[in-house]
Amino acid sequence: MAVLIVSLSTTVALALDPSEMLDDPVQEAQARELDHAMRCVVCQSESVASSNAQWAIDTRRVIREQVAAGKTNDEIIDFFVERYGEFVLMNPRPSGSNWLLWAAGPLMFLTALGVGIGYIRGRSKAPQPIQTGLSEDEAKRLREILDE
């Protein structure tokens, strides 16, 4: 287990070359935040921050160039979305055609909650079966069967 943890942490540590880092710690923090917000289009399941693919290296360089030029996070994200689409974002924006995907989870939860509450309330209000005693003929027949 320890070997796995060390190997994973080493992989992430090797992704950012010290020569890529900005001198200003505030700008570097902004760049790292953007590195984690962007998806590597080569790896597809990793952020740019943890990928060693050439595309990710180039993207980190472009991010740092734009941060050094004074651009905001939104401007830099828009730059990449314009070129690669929403797929480049690790967490796509809840706008446009994907708003339904963002709303589907909470809507399904609320629907299931409503159905569950309705089911439980319906069970408690269900009519109880009416228990009636045996008629005289039925009681007589039952005694006959039991006596046999």
N, C-alpha and C. Protein backbone atom coordinates (compact mmCIF):
# COMPACT_ATOMS: atom_id res chain seq x y z
N MET A 1 0.82 -1.18 0.00
CA MET A 1 0.00 0.00 0.00
C MET A 1 0.87 1.25 0.00
N ALA A 2 1.93 1.22 0.81
CA ALA A 2 2.82 2.38 0.88
C ALA A 2 3.51 2.62 -0.46
N VAL A 3 3.84 1.55 -1.16
CA VAL A 3 4.49 1.68 -2.46
C VAL A 3 3.56 2.38 -3.44
N LEU A 4 2.27 2.02 -3.40
CA LEU A 4 1.28 2.63 -4.28
C LEU A 4 1.15 4.13 -4.00
N ILE A 5 1.10 4.50 -2.74
CA ILE A 5 0.97 5.90 -2.36
C ILE A 5 2.21 6.69 -2.79
N VAL A 6 3.38 6.13 -2.57
CA VAL A 6 4.61 6.81 -2.97
C VAL A 6 4.69 6.95 -4.49
N SER A 7 4.30 5.90 -5.22
CA SER A 7 4.39 5.97 -6.68
C SER A 7 3.39 6.97 -7.25
N LEU A 8 2.18 7.06 -6.67
CA LEU A 8 1.21 8.03 -7.14
C LEU A 8 1.63 9.45 -6.82
N SER A 9 2.15 9.68 -5.63
CA SER A 9 2.58 11.03 -5.27
C SER A 9 3.80 11.45 -6.09
N THR A 10 4.64 10.52 -6.46
CA THR A 10 5.80 10.82 -7.30
C THR A 10 5.35 11.22 -8.70
N THR A 11 4.34 10.54 -9.23
CA THR A 11 3.83 10.85 -10.57
C THR A 11 3.30 12.27 -10.61
N VAL A 12 2.53 12.67 -9.60
CA VAL A 12 1.99 14.02 -9.57
C VAL A 12 3.11 15.03 -9.39
N ALA A 13 4.09 14.71 -8.58
CA ALA A 13 5.19 15.63 -8.33
C ALA A 13 6.01 15.86 -9.59
N LEU A 14 6.14 14.84 -10.43
CA LEU A 14 6.94 14.99 -11.65
C LEU A 14 6.21 15.75 -12.75
N ALA A 15 4.90 15.93 -12.63
CA ALA A 15 4.14 16.56 -13.70
C ALA A 15 4.54 18.01 -13.91
N LEU A 16 4.78 18.76 -12.85
CA LEU A 16 5.14 20.16 -12.97
C LEU A 16 6.65 20.32 -12.83
N ASP A 17 7.27 20.72 -13.91
CA ASP A 17 8.71 20.96 -13.93
C ASP A 17 8.98 22.30 -13.23
N PRO A 18 9.96 22.35 -12.35
CA PRO A 18 10.25 23.63 -11.66
C PRO A 18 10.53 24.78 -12.60
N SER A 19 11.02 24.49 -13.80
CA SER A 19 11.28 25.57 -14.75
C SER A 19 9.99 26.19 -15.28
N GLU A 20 8.86 25.48 -15.12
CA GLU A 20 7.57 26.01 -15.57
C GLU A 20 6.98 27.00 -14.57
N MET A 21 7.45 26.98 -13.34
CA MET A 21 6.82 27.75 -12.27
C MET A 21 7.07 29.24 -12.44
N LEU A 22 6.09 30.03 -12.02
CA LEU A 22 6.20 31.49 -12.04
C LEU A 22 6.92 31.97 -10.79
N ASP A 23 7.59 33.10 -10.88
CA ASP A 23 8.33 33.64 -9.74
C ASP A 23 7.39 34.19 -8.67
N ASP A 24 6.28 34.79 -9.10
CA ASP A 24 5.31 35.37 -8.15
C ASP A 24 4.45 34.25 -7.56
N PRO A 25 4.47 34.07 -6.23
CA PRO A 25 3.70 32.97 -5.61
C PRO A 25 2.19 33.12 -5.81
N VAL A 26 1.67 34.33 -5.89
CA VAL A 26 0.23 34.53 -6.10
C VAL A 26 -0.15 34.08 -7.50
N GLN A 27 0.66 34.46 -8.48
CA GLN A 27 0.39 34.05 -9.86
C GLN A 27 0.56 32.54 -10.02
N GLU A 28 1.54 31.97 -9.34
CA GLU A 28 1.74 30.51 -9.41
C GLU A 28 0.55 29.79 -8.80
N ALA A 29 0.01 30.31 -7.71
CA ALA A 29 -1.18 29.70 -7.09
C ALA A 29 -2.37 29.76 -8.04
N GLN A 30 -2.52 30.88 -8.74
CA GLN A 30 -3.59 31.01 -9.73
C GLN A 30 -3.40 30.02 -10.86
N ALA A 31 -2.16 29.87 -11.33
CA ALA A 31 -1.87 28.94 -12.42
C ALA A 31 -2.13 27.49 -11.99
N ARG A 32 -1.76 27.15 -10.77
CA ARG A 32 -2.00 25.78 -10.28
C ARG A 32 -3.49 25.49 -10.15
N GLU A 33 -4.25 26.47 -9.73
CA GLU A 33 -5.70 26.30 -9.65
C GLU A 33 -6.27 26.00 -11.04
N LEU A 34 -5.78 26.73 -12.03
CA LEU A 34 -6.22 26.49 -13.41
C LEU A 34 -5.73 25.14 -13.92
N ASP A 35 -4.52 24.74 -13.53
CA ASP A 35 -4.00 23.42 -13.93
C ASP A 35 -4.94 22.30 -13.47
N HIS A 36 -5.50 22.46 -12.27
CA HIS A 36 -6.40 21.44 -11.74
C HIS A 36 -7.80 21.53 -12.35
N ALA A 37 -8.16 22.70 -12.87
CA ALA A 37 -9.49 22.89 -13.47
C ALA A 37 -9.55 22.37 -14.90
N MET A 38 -8.40 22.21 -15.55
CA MET A 38 -8.36 21.78 -16.95
C MET A 38 -8.11 20.28 -17.08
N ARG A 39 -8.77 19.67 -18.06
CA ARG A 39 -8.60 18.24 -18.35
C ARG A 39 -7.58 18.10 -19.47
N CYS A 40 -6.70 17.12 -19.32
CA CYS A 40 -5.75 16.81 -20.39
C CYS A 40 -6.54 16.11 -21.50
N VAL A 41 -6.53 16.68 -22.70
CA VAL A 41 -7.31 16.08 -23.78
C VAL A 41 -6.65 14.81 -24.33
N VAL A 42 -5.40 14.58 -23.98
CA VAL A 42 -4.73 13.34 -24.39
C VAL A 42 -5.06 12.22 -23.41
N CYS A 43 -4.92 12.49 -22.12
CA CYS A 43 -5.18 11.47 -21.08
C CYS A 43 -6.67 11.30 -20.83
N GLN A 44 -7.42 12.35 -20.90
CA GLN A 44 -8.87 12.43 -20.74
C GLN A 44 -9.38 12.15 -19.34
N SER A 45 -8.62 11.53 -18.49
CA SER A 45 -9.12 11.28 -17.15
C SER A 45 -8.25 11.98 -16.10
N GLU A 46 -7.29 12.74 -16.53
CA GLU A 46 -6.38 13.44 -15.62
C GLU A 46 -6.47 14.93 -15.85
N SER A 47 -6.18 15.65 -14.79
CA SER A 47 -6.10 17.10 -14.95
C SER A 47 -4.75 17.44 -15.58
N VAL A 48 -4.65 18.64 -16.07
CA VAL A 48 -3.39 19.10 -16.66
C VAL A 48 -2.29 19.09 -15.61
N ALA A 49 -2.66 19.32 -14.36
CA ALA A 49 -1.68 19.37 -13.27
C ALA A 49 -0.98 18.04 -13.06
N SER A 50 -1.67 16.94 -13.28
CA SER A 50 -1.08 15.63 -12.98
C SER A 50 -0.66 14.85 -14.21
N SER A 51 -0.76 15.44 -15.38
CA SER A 51 -0.43 14.73 -16.60
C SER A 51 0.98 15.09 -17.09
N ASN A 52 1.67 14.10 -17.62
CA ASN A 52 2.99 14.32 -18.22
C ASN A 52 2.94 14.33 -19.74
N ALA A 53 1.74 14.31 -20.32
CA ALA A 53 1.60 14.34 -21.78
C ALA A 53 2.10 15.68 -22.31
N GLN A 54 2.58 15.68 -23.53
CA GLN A 54 3.12 16.90 -24.12
C GLN A 54 2.06 17.99 -24.20
N TRP A 55 0.82 17.60 -24.50
CA TRP A 55 -0.27 18.59 -24.56
C TRP A 55 -0.44 19.27 -23.20
N ALA A 56 -0.37 18.50 -22.12
CA ALA A 56 -0.53 19.06 -20.78
C ALA A 56 0.63 20.00 -20.44
N ILE A 57 1.82 19.63 -20.84
CA ILE A 57 2.99 20.49 -20.60
C ILE A 57 2.82 21.81 -21.33
N ASP A 58 2.40 21.74 -22.60
CA ASP A 58 2.16 22.96 -23.38
C ASP A 58 1.05 23.79 -22.77
N THR A 59 0.00 23.13 -22.28
CA THR A 59 -1.13 23.84 -21.67
C THR A 59 -0.69 24.56 -20.40
N ARG A 60 0.10 23.89 -19.57
CA ARG A 60 0.61 24.55 -18.37
C ARG A 60 1.44 25.78 -18.73
N ARG A 61 2.23 25.67 -19.80
CA ARG A 61 3.04 26.81 -20.24
C ARG A 61 2.14 27.96 -20.69
N VAL A 62 1.10 27.65 -21.47
CA VAL A 62 0.18 28.69 -21.95
C VAL A 62 -0.57 29.33 -20.79
N ILE A 63 -0.99 28.50 -19.84
CA ILE A 63 -1.68 29.04 -18.66
C ILE A 63 -0.78 30.03 -17.93
N ARG A 64 0.48 29.67 -17.74
CA ARG A 64 1.40 30.55 -17.02
C ARG A 64 1.70 31.82 -17.80
N GLU A 65 1.76 31.71 -19.12
CA GLU A 65 1.96 32.90 -19.95
C GLU A 65 0.79 33.86 -19.79
N GLN A 66 -0.42 33.31 -19.79
CA GLN A 66 -1.60 34.16 -19.69
C GLN A 66 -1.76 34.73 -18.28
N VAL A 67 -1.41 33.95 -17.26
CA VAL A 67 -1.46 34.46 -15.88
C VAL A 67 -0.45 35.59 -15.74
N ALA A 68 0.74 35.41 -16.27
CA ALA A 68 1.77 36.45 -16.19
C ALA A 68 1.34 37.70 -16.95
N ALA A 69 0.51 37.54 -17.99
CA ALA A 69 0.01 38.68 -18.75
C ALA A 69 -1.13 39.39 -18.03
N GLY A 70 -1.57 38.85 -16.89
CA GLY A 70 -2.59 39.52 -16.08
C GLY A 70 -4.01 39.11 -16.40
N LYS A 71 -4.20 38.03 -17.13
CA LYS A 71 -5.57 37.59 -17.45
C LYS A 71 -6.21 36.93 -16.24
N THR A 72 -7.54 37.02 -16.17
CA THR A 72 -8.29 36.41 -15.07
C THR A 72 -8.52 34.93 -15.36
N ASN A 73 -8.94 34.21 -14.33
CA ASN A 73 -9.24 32.78 -14.50
C ASN A 73 -10.31 32.57 -15.56
N ASP A 74 -11.36 33.38 -15.53
CA ASP A 74 -12.44 33.23 -16.51
C ASP A 74 -11.95 33.47 -17.93
N GLU A 75 -11.09 34.45 -18.12
CA GLU A 75 -10.55 34.73 -19.46
C GLU A 75 -9.71 33.55 -19.96
N ILE A 76 -8.93 32.98 -19.08
CA ILE A 76 -8.07 31.85 -19.48
C ILE A 76 -8.92 30.62 -19.77
N ILE A 77 -9.91 30.38 -18.92
CA ILE A 77 -10.80 29.23 -19.16
C ILE A 77 -11.55 29.42 -20.47
N ASP A 78 -12.06 30.62 -20.72
CA ASP A 78 -12.76 30.89 -21.99
C ASP A 78 -11.84 30.65 -23.18
N PHE A 79 -10.57 31.01 -23.05
CA PHE A 79 -9.59 30.79 -24.11
C PHE A 79 -9.52 29.30 -24.49
N PHE A 80 -9.45 28.43 -23.47
CA PHE A 80 -9.35 27.00 -23.75
C PHE A 80 -10.68 26.40 -24.20
N VAL A 81 -11.78 26.86 -23.63
CA VAL A 81 -13.10 26.34 -24.03
C VAL A 81 -13.38 26.71 -25.47
N GLU A 82 -12.97 27.90 -25.88
CA GLU A 82 -13.17 28.34 -27.26
C GLU A 82 -12.45 27.41 -28.25
N ARG A 83 -11.29 26.91 -27.86
CA ARG A 83 -10.49 26.07 -28.75
C ARG A 83 -10.83 24.58 -28.64
N TYR A 84 -11.17 24.11 -27.44
CA TYR A 84 -11.35 22.66 -27.23
C TYR A 84 -12.74 22.26 -26.78
N GLY A 85 -13.59 23.20 -26.51
CA GLY A 85 -14.95 22.90 -26.06
C GLY A 85 -14.99 22.67 -24.56
N GLU A 86 -16.20 22.43 -24.06
CA GLU A 86 -16.42 22.23 -22.61
C GLU A 86 -15.67 21.00 -22.09
N PHE A 87 -15.30 20.08 -22.97
CA PHE A 87 -14.62 18.86 -22.55
C PHE A 87 -13.30 19.15 -21.85
N VAL A 88 -12.69 20.27 -22.16
CA VAL A 88 -11.39 20.60 -21.57
C VAL A 88 -11.51 20.94 -20.08
N LEU A 89 -12.70 21.18 -19.60
CA LEU A 89 -12.90 21.50 -18.19
C LEU A 89 -13.15 20.23 -17.39
N MET A 90 -12.49 20.11 -16.25
CA MET A 90 -12.72 18.94 -15.38
C MET A 90 -14.16 18.94 -14.87
N ASN A 91 -14.71 20.11 -14.58
CA ASN A 91 -16.10 20.26 -14.16
C ASN A 91 -16.77 21.23 -15.12
N PRO A 92 -17.48 20.71 -16.14
CA PRO A 92 -18.12 21.60 -17.11
C PRO A 92 -19.07 22.58 -16.44
N ARG A 93 -19.23 23.72 -17.07
CA ARG A 93 -20.09 24.77 -16.53
C ARG A 93 -21.56 24.35 -16.59
N PRO A 94 -22.34 24.70 -15.59
CA PRO A 94 -23.78 24.39 -15.64
C PRO A 94 -24.52 25.43 -16.47
N SER A 95 -24.31 25.40 -17.76
CA SER A 95 -24.98 26.34 -18.65
C SER A 95 -25.17 25.68 -20.01
N GLY A 96 -25.94 26.36 -20.84
CA GLY A 96 -26.16 25.85 -22.18
C GLY A 96 -26.90 24.53 -22.18
N SER A 97 -26.43 23.61 -22.99
CA SER A 97 -27.14 22.34 -23.15
C SER A 97 -26.91 21.37 -22.01
N ASN A 98 -25.92 21.61 -21.18
CA ASN A 98 -25.66 20.64 -20.11
C ASN A 98 -26.32 21.01 -18.78
N TRP A 99 -27.17 22.02 -18.76
CA TRP A 99 -27.86 22.38 -17.51
C TRP A 99 -28.74 21.24 -17.04
N LEU A 100 -29.31 20.48 -17.98
CA LEU A 100 -30.16 19.35 -17.62
C LEU A 100 -29.36 18.28 -16.88
N LEU A 101 -28.12 18.06 -17.31
CA LEU A 101 -27.27 17.08 -16.62
C LEU A 101 -26.97 17.52 -15.20
N TRP A 102 -26.76 18.81 -14.99
CA TRP A 102 -26.50 19.31 -13.65
C TRP A 102 -27.74 19.20 -12.77
N ALA A 103 -28.91 19.37 -13.37
CA ALA A 103 -30.16 19.35 -12.59
C ALA A 103 -30.68 17.93 -12.39
N ALA A 104 -30.26 16.98 -13.22
CA ALA A 104 -30.81 15.63 -13.17
C ALA A 104 -30.60 14.95 -11.83
N GLY A 105 -29.44 15.07 -11.24
CA GLY A 105 -29.16 14.41 -9.96
C GLY A 105 -30.09 14.88 -8.85
N PRO A 106 -30.13 16.19 -8.59
CA PRO A 106 -31.04 16.67 -7.54
C PRO A 106 -32.51 16.37 -7.86
N LEU A 107 -32.90 16.48 -9.14
CA LEU A 107 -34.29 16.19 -9.50
C LEU A 107 -34.64 14.72 -9.24
N MET A 108 -33.74 13.82 -9.58
CA MET A 108 -33.99 12.40 -9.33
C MET A 108 -34.07 12.12 -7.83
N PHE A 109 -33.21 12.77 -7.06
CA PHE A 109 -33.24 12.59 -5.61
C PHE A 109 -34.57 13.06 -5.03
N LEU A 110 -35.01 14.25 -5.45
CA LEU A 110 -36.28 14.78 -4.94
C LEU A 110 -37.46 13.91 -5.37
N THR A 111 -37.41 13.39 -6.59
CA THR A 111 -38.47 12.49 -7.06
C THR A 111 -38.51 11.22 -6.23
N ALA A 112 -37.35 10.62 -6.00
CA ALA A 112 -37.28 9.40 -5.20
C ALA A 112 -37.73 9.66 -3.77
N LEU A 113 -37.37 10.80 -3.23
CA LEU A 113 -37.79 11.16 -1.88
C LEU A 113 -39.31 11.30 -1.81
N GLY A 114 -39.90 11.95 -2.80
CA GLY A 114 -41.35 12.11 -2.85
C GLY A 114 -42.08 10.78 -2.98
N VAL A 115 -41.56 9.91 -3.85
CA VAL A 115 -42.17 8.58 -4.01
C VAL A 115 -42.06 7.80 -2.71
N GLY A 116 -40.92 7.85 -2.06
CA GLY A 116 -40.73 7.13 -0.80
C GLY A 116 -41.66 7.62 0.29
N ILE A 117 -41.78 8.94 0.41
CA ILE A 117 -42.67 9.51 1.42
C ILE A 117 -44.12 9.14 1.11
N GLY A 118 -44.49 9.23 -0.17
CA GLY A 118 -45.86 8.85 -0.56
C GLY A 118 -46.16 7.39 -0.27
N TYR A 119 -45.18 6.54 -0.52
CA TYR A 119 -45.36 5.10 -0.26
C TYR A 119 -45.54 4.84 1.23
N ILE A 120 -44.70 5.47 2.04
CA ILE A 120 -44.78 5.25 3.49
C ILE A 120 -46.10 5.80 4.05
N ARG A 121 -46.51 6.96 3.59
CA ARG A 121 -47.79 7.52 4.05
C ARG A 121 -48.96 6.66 3.57
N GLY A 122 -48.87 6.16 2.37
CA GLY A 122 -49.94 5.31 1.83
C GLY A 122 -50.07 4.01 2.61
N ARG A 123 -48.96 3.47 3.05
CA ARG A 123 -48.99 2.22 3.83
C ARG A 123 -49.67 2.43 5.17
N SER A 124 -49.40 3.58 5.80
CA SER A 124 -49.98 3.81 7.13
C SER A 124 -51.47 4.12 7.05
N LYS A 125 -51.94 4.61 5.90
CA LYS A 125 -53.36 4.94 5.74
C LYS A 125 -54.15 3.81 5.07
N ALA A 126 -53.52 2.71 4.77
CA ALA A 126 -54.21 1.61 4.10
C ALA A 126 -55.28 1.05 5.02
N PRO A 127 -56.42 0.72 4.47
CA PRO A 127 -57.49 0.18 5.31
C PRO A 127 -57.08 -1.16 5.91
N GLN A 128 -57.40 -1.32 7.18
CA GLN A 128 -57.10 -2.57 7.87
C GLN A 128 -58.16 -3.60 7.50
N PRO A 129 -57.76 -4.83 7.34
CA PRO A 129 -58.76 -5.85 7.02
C PRO A 129 -59.77 -5.99 8.17
N ILE A 130 -61.02 -6.12 7.80
CA ILE A 130 -62.08 -6.26 8.79
C ILE A 130 -62.10 -7.70 9.29
N GLN A 131 -62.00 -7.84 10.60
CA GLN A 131 -62.02 -9.18 11.18
C GLN A 131 -63.43 -9.45 11.69
N THR A 132 -64.04 -10.41 11.10
CA THR A 132 -65.39 -10.80 11.54
C THR A 132 -65.32 -12.18 12.14
N GLY A 133 -66.21 -12.44 13.05
CA GLY A 133 -66.28 -13.77 13.65
C GLY A 133 -66.94 -14.76 12.69
N LEU A 134 -66.88 -16.02 13.05
CA LEU A 134 -67.48 -17.06 12.23
C LEU A 134 -68.99 -17.06 12.43
N SER A 135 -69.67 -17.38 11.38
CA SER A 135 -71.13 -17.53 11.52
C SER A 135 -71.40 -18.82 12.29
N GLU A 136 -72.65 -18.99 12.68
CA GLU A 136 -73.02 -20.19 13.42
C GLU A 136 -72.72 -21.45 12.63
N ASP A 137 -73.06 -21.47 11.37
CA ASP A 137 -72.82 -22.64 10.52
C ASP A 137 -71.32 -22.93 10.39
N GLU A 138 -70.52 -21.87 10.23
CA GLU A 138 -69.07 -22.05 10.09
C GLU A 138 -68.47 -22.56 11.40
N ALA A 139 -68.90 -22.04 12.54
CA ALA A 139 -68.40 -22.48 13.83
C ALA A 139 -68.75 -23.94 14.08
N LYS A 140 -69.98 -24.34 13.74
CA LYS A 140 -70.42 -25.72 13.89
C LYS A 140 -69.58 -26.65 13.03
N ARG A 141 -69.35 -26.27 11.77
CA ARG A 141 -68.55 -27.08 10.84
C ARG A 141 -67.11 -27.19 11.34
N LEU A 142 -66.54 -26.11 11.89
CA LEU A 142 -65.17 -26.12 12.41
C LEU A 142 -65.07 -27.08 13.59
N ARG A 143 -66.06 -27.09 14.50
CA ARG A 143 -66.03 -28.00 15.63
C ARG A 143 -66.10 -29.46 15.17
N GLU A 144 -66.87 -29.68 14.12
CA GLU A 144 -66.97 -31.04 13.57
C GLU A 144 -65.63 -31.50 13.02
N ILE A 145 -64.96 -30.62 12.31
CA ILE A 145 -63.67 -30.97 11.71
C ILE A 145 -62.64 -31.24 12.80
N LEU A 146 -62.62 -30.40 13.81
CA LEU A 146 -61.65 -30.54 14.89
C LEU A 146 -61.91 -31.78 15.74
N ASP A 147 -63.15 -32.16 15.91
CA ASP A 147 -63.49 -33.32 16.72
C ASP A 147 -63.13 -34.62 16.00
N GLU A 148 -63.03 -34.59 14.71
CA GLU A 148 -62.74 -35.83 13.96
C GLU A 148 -61.38 -36.32 14.17
